[in-house]
């Protein structure tokens, strides 16, 4: 039997949020869907889902369709439906504490103020699941972080954003192929 992996990108649903910094997790799922030729057309467990194959592995891509602070509902529903061990789950999300362009994989940890991760920890009942943190940097000056994450990436950010998403997609494939430790060894600390 082949393994199944669930990769969930966190974000907010709807056209108004599509290009927001907070939606970099959704952007990664879109990049992976292109690479895997997955159609993100199925609605399941409060998430937009696409199913594809990567070599001999079934990969489920998901974008929760609740707002960010309720993301855990979709993650928990999908993990339960597919009977996945949490080690086969990867949650991709924006991270204010990492410089823009930085990605960092972690095997577990706290929410660090990220409401989607907080919701996921609450719904799964454990912080023990891998995540892929996508740096968006700190807001300038005294700007409210809540306002900053809901801003769109700027035109000047597009090239670095695309490079970051490509590197994050490579990291997700490495996670599927070789596990979280190998993916961390190769991708943590590297910037574009």
C-alpha atoms as a PDB file:
ATOM      1  CA  UNK A   1       0.000   0.000   0.000  1.00  0.00           C
ATOM      2  CA  UNK A   2       1.254   3.480  -0.799  1.00  0.00           C
ATOM      3  CA  UNK A   3       1.398   6.281   1.711  1.00  0.00           C
ATOM      4  CA  UNK A   4      -0.982   9.204   1.624  1.00  0.00           C
ATOM      5  CA  UNK A   5       0.091  12.731   2.521  1.00  0.00           C
ATOM      6  CA  UNK A   6      -2.065  15.758   3.262  1.00  0.00           C
ATOM      7  CA  UNK A   7      -0.634  19.196   2.572  1.00  0.00           C
ATOM      8  CA  UNK A   8      -2.783  22.055   3.835  1.00  0.00           C
ATOM      9  CA  UNK A   9      -2.111  25.684   3.025  1.00  0.00           C
ATOM     10  CA  UNK A  10      -3.667  28.201   5.378  1.00  0.00           C
ATOM     11  CA  UNK A  11      -5.365  31.371   4.193  1.00  0.00           C
ATOM     12  CA  UNK A  12      -8.694  33.140   3.950  1.00  0.00           C
ATOM     13  CA  UNK A  13     -11.221  32.189   1.252  1.00  0.00           C
ATOM     14  CA  UNK A  14     -12.557  34.678  -1.255  1.00  0.00           C
ATOM     15  CA  UNK A  15     -11.328  36.968  -3.992  1.00  0.00           C
ATOM     16  CA  UNK A  16     -10.680  39.899  -1.618  1.00  0.00           C
ATOM     17  CA  UNK A  17      -7.971  37.951   0.206  1.00  0.00           C
ATOM     18  CA  UNK A  18      -6.362  36.097  -2.702  1.00  0.00           C
ATOM     19  CA  UNK A  19      -3.143  38.167  -2.928  1.00  0.00           C
ATOM     20  CA  UNK A  20      -2.813  38.900   0.828  1.00  0.00           C
ATOM     21  CA  UNK A  21       0.372  38.034   2.716  1.00  0.00           C
ATOM     22  CA  UNK A  22      -1.820  35.918   5.019  1.00  0.00           C
ATOM     23  CA  UNK A  23      -2.668  33.718   2.008  1.00  0.00           C
ATOM     24  CA  UNK A  24       0.845  32.585   1.133  1.00  0.00           C
ATOM     25  CA  UNK A  25      -0.188  29.090   2.308  1.00  0.00           C
ATOM     26  CA  UNK A  26      -2.956  29.053  -0.324  1.00  0.00           C
ATOM     27  CA  UNK A  27      -0.442  30.308  -2.899  1.00  0.00           C
ATOM     28  CA  UNK A  28       1.814  27.354  -2.122  1.00  0.00           C
ATOM     29  CA  UNK A  29      -1.068  24.911  -2.598  1.00  0.00           C
ATOM     30  CA  UNK A  30      -1.787  26.549  -5.969  1.00  0.00           C
ATOM     31  CA  UNK A  31       1.892  26.130  -6.948  1.00  0.00           C
ATOM     32  CA  UNK A  32       1.852  22.461  -5.878  1.00  0.00           C
ATOM     33  CA  UNK A  33      -1.420  21.886  -7.763  1.00  0.00           C
ATOM     34  CA  UNK A  34       0.226  23.159 -10.945  1.00  0.00           C
ATOM     35  CA  UNK A  35       3.288  20.952 -10.461  1.00  0.00           C
ATOM     36  CA  UNK A  36       1.154  17.879  -9.704  1.00  0.00           C
ATOM     37  CA  UNK A  37      -1.529  18.684 -12.286  1.00  0.00           C
ATOM     38  CA  UNK A  38      -4.137  18.504  -9.500  1.00  0.00           C
ATOM     39  CA  UNK A  39      -7.566  20.034 -10.008  1.00  0.00           C
ATOM     40  CA  UNK A  40      -8.623  21.926  -6.881  1.00  0.00           C
ATOM     41  CA  UNK A  41     -12.330  21.404  -7.479  1.00  0.00           C
ATOM     42  CA  UNK A  42     -13.630  19.143  -4.721  1.00  0.00           C
ATOM     43  CA  UNK A  43     -15.223  20.546  -1.569  1.00  0.00           C
ATOM     44  CA  UNK A  44     -14.617  18.233   1.381  1.00  0.00           C
ATOM     45  CA  UNK A  45     -14.486  18.784   5.158  1.00  0.00           C
ATOM     46  CA  UNK A  46     -14.817  22.576   4.745  1.00  0.00           C
ATOM     47  CA  UNK A  47     -11.831  22.663   2.356  1.00  0.00           C
ATOM     48  CA  UNK A  48     -11.163  22.943  -1.360  1.00  0.00           C
ATOM     49  CA  UNK A  49      -9.295  19.738  -2.168  1.00  0.00           C
ATOM     50  CA  UNK A  50      -7.243  18.353  -5.026  1.00  0.00           C
ATOM     51  CA  UNK A  51      -5.894  14.807  -5.167  1.00  0.00           C
ATOM     52  CA  UNK A  52      -2.810  13.874  -7.139  1.00  0.00           C
ATOM     53  CA  UNK A  53       0.050  11.405  -7.277  1.00  0.00           C
ATOM     54  CA  UNK A  54       3.688  12.174  -6.626  1.00  0.00           C
ATOM     55  CA  UNK A  55       5.656   9.105  -7.718  1.00  0.00           C
ATOM     56  CA  UNK A  56       3.943   6.284  -5.760  1.00  0.00           C
ATOM     57  CA  UNK A  57       2.424   8.575  -3.168  1.00  0.00           C
ATOM     58  CA  UNK A  58      -1.124   9.901  -2.985  1.00  0.00           C
ATOM     59  CA  UNK A  59      -1.029  13.620  -2.189  1.00  0.00           C
ATOM     60  CA  UNK A  60      -4.088  15.499  -0.990  1.00  0.00           C
ATOM     61  CA  UNK A  61      -3.802  19.273  -1.331  1.00  0.00           C
ATOM     62  CA  UNK A  62      -6.217  21.381   0.690  1.00  0.00           C
ATOM     63  CA  UNK A  63      -7.194  25.012   1.192  1.00  0.00           C
ATOM     64  CA  UNK A  64      -9.611  25.398   4.126  1.00  0.00           C
ATOM     65  CA  UNK A  65     -12.672  27.436   3.156  1.00  0.00           C
ATOM     66  CA  UNK A  66     -13.340  28.669   6.686  1.00  0.00           C
ATOM     67  CA  UNK A  67     -11.603  31.833   7.760  1.00  0.00           C
ATOM     68  CA  UNK A  68      -8.054  31.484   9.088  1.00  0.00           C
ATOM     69  CA  UNK A  69      -9.004  31.285  12.780  1.00  0.00           C
ATOM     70  CA  UNK A  70     -11.192  28.200  12.089  1.00  0.00           C
ATOM     71  CA  UNK A  71      -8.737  26.385   9.767  1.00  0.00           C
ATOM     72  CA  UNK A  72      -8.343  23.502  12.198  1.00  0.00           C
ATOM     73  CA  UNK A  73     -11.885  22.299  11.425  1.00  0.00           C
ATOM     74  CA  UNK A  74     -10.885  21.432   7.861  1.00  0.00           C
ATOM     75  CA  UNK A  75      -7.511  19.979   8.872  1.00  0.00           C
ATOM     76  CA  UNK A  76      -9.080  17.751  11.520  1.00  0.00           C
ATOM     77  CA  UNK A  77     -11.904  16.629   9.210  1.00  0.00           C
ATOM     78  CA  UNK A  78      -9.526  15.694   6.395  1.00  0.00           C
ATOM     79  CA  UNK A  79      -6.970  13.978   8.663  1.00  0.00           C
ATOM     80  CA  UNK A  80      -9.752  11.911  10.206  1.00  0.00           C
ATOM     81  CA  UNK A  81     -11.406  11.077   6.848  1.00  0.00           C
ATOM     82  CA  UNK A  82      -8.134   9.879   5.292  1.00  0.00           C
ATOM     83  CA  UNK A  83      -7.022   8.200   8.566  1.00  0.00           C
ATOM     84  CA  UNK A  84      -3.630   9.880   8.363  1.00  0.00           C
ATOM     85  CA  UNK A  85      -0.948   9.826  11.028  1.00  0.00           C
ATOM     86  CA  UNK A  86      -0.052  13.434  11.843  1.00  0.00           C
ATOM     87  CA  UNK A  87       3.472  12.709  10.594  1.00  0.00           C
ATOM     88  CA  UNK A  88       1.939  12.602   7.066  1.00  0.00           C
ATOM     89  CA  UNK A  89       0.389  16.044   7.470  1.00  0.00           C
ATOM     90  CA  UNK A  90       2.133  19.283   6.494  1.00  0.00           C
ATOM     91  CA  UNK A  91       0.582  22.663   7.301  1.00  0.00           C
ATOM     92  CA  UNK A  92       1.939  25.618   5.302  1.00  0.00           C
ATOM     93  CA  UNK A  93       1.339  29.084   6.735  1.00  0.00           C
ATOM     94  CA  UNK A  94       2.550  32.671   6.816  1.00  0.00           C
ATOM     95  CA  UNK A  95       4.965  33.674   9.568  1.00  0.00           C
ATOM     96  CA  UNK A  96       5.607  37.274  10.660  1.00  0.00           C
ATOM     97  CA  UNK A  97       8.710  36.281  12.622  1.00  0.00           C
ATOM     98  CA  UNK A  98      10.628  35.086   9.562  1.00  0.00           C
ATOM     99  CA  UNK A  99      12.037  37.510   6.993  1.00  0.00           C
ATOM    100  CA  UNK A 100      10.197  37.565   3.673  1.00  0.00           C
ATOM    101  CA  UNK A 101      11.688  34.911   1.414  1.00  0.00           C
ATOM    102  CA  UNK A 102      12.660  32.571   4.273  1.00  0.00           C
ATOM    103  CA  UNK A 103      11.082  29.156   4.701  1.00  0.00           C
ATOM    104  CA  UNK A 104      11.406  26.984   7.786  1.00  0.00           C
ATOM    105  CA  UNK A 105      10.173  23.465   8.385  1.00  0.00           C
ATOM    106  CA  UNK A 106       9.384  22.281  11.897  1.00  0.00           C
ATOM    107  CA  UNK A 107       8.243  18.880  13.171  1.00  0.00           C
ATOM    108  CA  UNK A 108       5.952  20.453  15.803  1.00  0.00           C
ATOM    109  CA  UNK A 109       5.641  23.478  18.072  1.00  0.00           C
ATOM    110  CA  UNK A 110       3.340  26.155  19.373  1.00  0.00           C
ATOM    111  CA  UNK A 111       1.127  28.532  17.416  1.00  0.00           C
ATOM    112  CA  UNK A 112       3.417  31.551  17.734  1.00  0.00           C
ATOM    113  CA  UNK A 113       0.411  33.851  17.405  1.00  0.00           C
ATOM    114  CA  UNK A 114      -0.713  32.298  14.091  1.00  0.00           C
ATOM    115  CA  UNK A 115      -4.477  31.812  14.510  1.00  0.00           C
ATOM    116  CA  UNK A 116      -4.779  29.077  11.875  1.00  0.00           C
ATOM    117  CA  UNK A 117      -2.112  27.010  13.625  1.00  0.00           C
ATOM    118  CA  UNK A 118      -3.771  27.723  16.994  1.00  0.00           C
ATOM    119  CA  UNK A 119      -7.076  26.416  15.605  1.00  0.00           C
ATOM    120  CA  UNK A 120      -5.341  23.342  14.158  1.00  0.00           C
ATOM    121  CA  UNK A 121      -3.648  22.534  17.476  1.00  0.00           C
ATOM    122  CA  UNK A 122      -7.013  22.885  19.251  1.00  0.00           C
ATOM    123  CA  UNK A 123      -8.858  20.697  16.739  1.00  0.00           C
ATOM    124  CA  UNK A 124      -6.187  17.978  16.520  1.00  0.00           C
ATOM    125  CA  UNK A 125      -5.598  18.043  20.282  1.00  0.00           C
ATOM    126  CA  UNK A 126      -1.829  18.171  19.815  1.00  0.00           C
ATOM    127  CA  UNK A 127       0.926  20.499  18.564  1.00  0.00           C
ATOM    128  CA  UNK A 128       2.768  17.462  17.165  1.00  0.00           C
ATOM    129  CA  UNK A 129       2.384  17.889  13.408  1.00  0.00           C
ATOM    130  CA  UNK A 130       4.853  19.174  10.801  1.00  0.00           C
ATOM    131  CA  UNK A 131       4.601  22.687   9.460  1.00  0.00           C
ATOM    132  CA  UNK A 132       6.152  24.734   6.711  1.00  0.00           C
ATOM    133  CA  UNK A 133       6.531  28.337   7.853  1.00  0.00           C
ATOM    134  CA  UNK A 134       6.636  30.888   5.038  1.00  0.00           C
ATOM    135  CA  UNK A 135       8.250  34.155   6.095  1.00  0.00           C
ATOM    136  CA  UNK A 136       6.398  37.369   5.293  1.00  0.00           C
ATOM    137  CA  UNK A 137       8.469  39.667   7.525  1.00  0.00           C
ATOM    138  CA  UNK A 138       7.373  42.172  10.146  1.00  0.00           C
ATOM    139  CA  UNK A 139       5.105  45.118   9.375  1.00  0.00           C
ATOM    140  CA  UNK A 140       6.868  48.438   8.790  1.00  0.00           C
ATOM    141  CA  UNK A 141       6.975  51.048  11.553  1.00  0.00           C
ATOM    142  CA  UNK A 142       4.100  50.828  14.003  1.00  0.00           C
ATOM    143  CA  UNK A 143       1.695  49.158  11.598  1.00  0.00           C
ATOM    144  CA  UNK A 144      -0.726  46.716  13.192  1.00  0.00           C
ATOM    145  CA  UNK A 145       0.316  43.134  12.303  1.00  0.00           C
ATOM    146  CA  UNK A 146      -3.361  42.241  11.711  1.00  0.00           C
ATOM    147  CA  UNK A 147      -3.579  44.948   9.037  1.00  0.00           C
ATOM    148  CA  UNK A 148      -0.196  44.001   7.560  1.00  0.00           C
ATOM    149  CA  UNK A 149      -1.063  40.329   6.968  1.00  0.00           C
ATOM    150  CA  UNK A 150      -4.241  41.366   5.121  1.00  0.00           C
ATOM    151  CA  UNK A 151      -2.283  43.590   2.719  1.00  0.00           C
ATOM    152  CA  UNK A 152      -1.410  42.269  -0.730  1.00  0.00           C
ATOM    153  CA  UNK A 153       2.175  41.536  -1.631  1.00  0.00           C
ATOM    154  CA  UNK A 154       3.607  44.493  -3.525  1.00  0.00           C
ATOM    155  CA  UNK A 155       4.574  44.448  -7.203  1.00  0.00           C
ATOM    156  CA  UNK A 156       8.226  44.556  -6.096  1.00  0.00           C
ATOM    157  CA  UNK A 157       7.710  41.377  -4.056  1.00  0.00           C
ATOM    158  CA  UNK A 158       6.560  39.234  -6.991  1.00  0.00           C
ATOM    159  CA  UNK A 159       9.899  37.751  -8.033  1.00  0.00           C
ATOM    160  CA  UNK A 160      10.988  36.830  -4.495  1.00  0.00           C
ATOM    161  CA  UNK A 161       7.468  35.514  -3.773  1.00  0.00           C
ATOM    162  CA  UNK A 162       7.616  33.215  -6.795  1.00  0.00           C
ATOM    163  CA  UNK A 163      11.115  31.977  -5.882  1.00  0.00           C
ATOM    164  CA  UNK A 164       9.976  31.374  -2.297  1.00  0.00           C
ATOM    165  CA  UNK A 165       6.938  29.383  -3.440  1.00  0.00           C
ATOM    166  CA  UNK A 166       9.110  27.269  -5.750  1.00  0.00           C
ATOM    167  CA  UNK A 167      11.545  26.537  -2.908  1.00  0.00           C
ATOM    168  CA  UNK A 168       8.655  25.776  -0.526  1.00  0.00           C
ATOM    169  CA  UNK A 169       7.157  23.381  -3.106  1.00  0.00           C
ATOM    170  CA  UNK A 170      10.547  21.640  -3.395  1.00  0.00           C
ATOM    171  CA  UNK A 171      10.631  21.396   0.412  1.00  0.00           C
ATOM    172  CA  UNK A 172       7.136  19.868   0.470  1.00  0.00           C
ATOM    173  CA  UNK A 173       8.193  17.214  -2.059  1.00  0.00           C
ATOM    174  CA  UNK A 174      11.347  16.506  -0.029  1.00  0.00           C
ATOM    175  CA  UNK A 175       9.117  16.094   3.058  1.00  0.00           C
ATOM    176  CA  UNK A 176       6.954  13.569   1.194  1.00  0.00           C
ATOM    177  CA  UNK A 177       9.924  11.691  -0.280  1.00  0.00           C
ATOM    178  CA  UNK A 178      12.328  11.628   2.656  1.00  0.00           C
ATOM    179  CA  UNK A 179      10.597  12.940   5.789  1.00  0.00           C
ATOM    180  CA  UNK A 180      10.674  16.052   7.910  1.00  0.00           C
ATOM    181  CA  UNK A 181      14.283  15.691   9.129  1.00  0.00           C
ATOM    182  CA  UNK A 182      15.762  15.481   5.629  1.00  0.00           C
ATOM    183  CA  UNK A 183      13.571  18.366   4.452  1.00  0.00           C
ATOM    184  CA  UNK A 184      14.667  20.478   7.436  1.00  0.00           C
ATOM    185  CA  UNK A 185      18.338  19.686   6.785  1.00  0.00           C
ATOM    186  CA  UNK A 186      18.087  20.792   3.174  1.00  0.00           C
ATOM    187  CA  UNK A 187      15.755  23.793   3.366  1.00  0.00           C
ATOM    188  CA  UNK A 188      15.928  25.421   6.795  1.00  0.00           C
ATOM    189  CA  UNK A 189      17.891  28.623   6.864  1.00  0.00           C
ATOM    190  CA  UNK A 190      18.134  28.926   3.106  1.00  0.00           C
ATOM    191  CA  UNK A 191      16.795  32.103   1.564  1.00  0.00           C
ATOM    192  CA  UNK A 192      16.361  32.870  -2.081  1.00  0.00           C
END
